[in-house]
Amino acid sequence: MLDEKIFIDPVCKMKVKKPNEVEMQMLSISYENKIYYFCSHFCTAEFIQNPSRYVNAALIEE
């Protein structure tokens, strides 16, 4: 686990590690063939409400 990949939560921009198998169902979403990881249930729920808002913002930042 030394090379653990870090992801950016698209909602709050917090750095997050890939969730374990139990957390995966609650802290990740597959949207348009890409998996997004979140720091909390709040950010996951926020993303579900309006995914295009966060996906489009992430594309602008890249």
Protein backbone atom coordinates (compact mmCIF):
# COMPACT_ATOMS: atom_id res chain seq x y z
CA MET A 1 0.00 0.00 0.00
CA LEU A 2 2.94 2.32 -0.37
CA ASP A 3 1.77 3.44 -3.80
CA GLU A 4 -1.78 4.24 -2.77
CA LYS A 5 -3.38 6.45 -5.38
CA ILE A 6 -4.96 9.71 -4.24
CA PHE A 7 -8.17 10.99 -5.80
CA ILE A 8 -9.87 14.37 -5.57
CA ASP A 9 -13.45 14.51 -4.32
CA PRO A 10 -15.23 16.41 -7.14
CA VAL A 11 -17.60 18.12 -4.69
CA CYS A 12 -15.34 19.51 -1.96
CA LYS A 13 -11.94 19.03 -3.69
CA MET A 14 -10.58 17.10 -0.70
CA LYS A 15 -7.87 14.49 -1.37
CA VAL A 16 -9.18 10.98 -0.72
CA LYS A 17 -7.81 7.46 -0.90
CA LYS A 18 -9.68 4.77 -2.77
CA PRO A 19 -12.28 3.40 -0.34
CA ASN A 20 -12.14 -0.19 0.87
CA GLU A 21 -14.67 -2.71 -0.44
CA VAL A 22 -17.23 -1.96 2.29
CA GLU A 23 -17.03 1.82 1.82
CA MET A 24 -16.95 1.55 -1.98
CA GLN A 25 -20.74 1.33 -2.28
CA MET A 26 -21.25 4.55 -0.30
CA LEU A 27 -18.21 6.61 -1.26
CA SER A 28 -17.94 6.08 -4.99
CA ILE A 29 -20.15 6.64 -8.01
CA SER A 30 -19.77 5.50 -11.59
CA TYR A 31 -20.90 8.28 -13.92
CA GLU A 32 -20.35 8.38 -17.69
CA ASN A 33 -17.87 5.48 -17.56
CA LYS A 34 -15.71 7.08 -14.88
CA ILE A 35 -15.56 6.31 -11.17
CA TYR A 36 -15.63 9.25 -8.76
CA TYR A 37 -14.54 8.91 -5.13
CA PHE A 38 -15.84 10.99 -2.23
CA CYS A 39 -14.72 11.90 1.28
CA SER A 40 -18.16 11.53 2.87
CA HIS A 41 -21.77 10.51 2.37
CA PHE A 42 -22.65 14.21 2.13
CA CYS A 43 -20.43 14.72 -0.91
CA THR A 44 -21.71 11.51 -2.51
CA ALA A 45 -25.33 12.67 -2.06
CA GLU A 46 -24.48 16.15 -3.35
CA PHE A 47 -22.91 14.65 -6.48
CA ILE A 48 -25.95 12.41 -7.07
CA GLN A 49 -28.22 15.50 -6.99
CA ASN A 50 -26.39 17.18 -9.88
CA PRO A 51 -23.46 15.19 -11.28
CA SER A 52 -22.98 17.33 -14.38
CA ARG A 53 -22.30 20.37 -12.17
CA TYR A 54 -19.29 18.66 -10.63
CA VAL A 55 -18.08 16.80 -13.72
CA ASN A 56 -18.13 19.99 -15.80
CA ALA A 57 -16.31 21.92 -13.06
CA ALA A 58 -13.61 19.23 -12.92
CA LEU A 59 -13.12 19.43 -16.69
CA ILE A 60 -12.67 23.21 -16.53
CA GLU A 61 -9.99 22.86 -13.81
CA GLU A 62 -7.93 20.29 -15.77
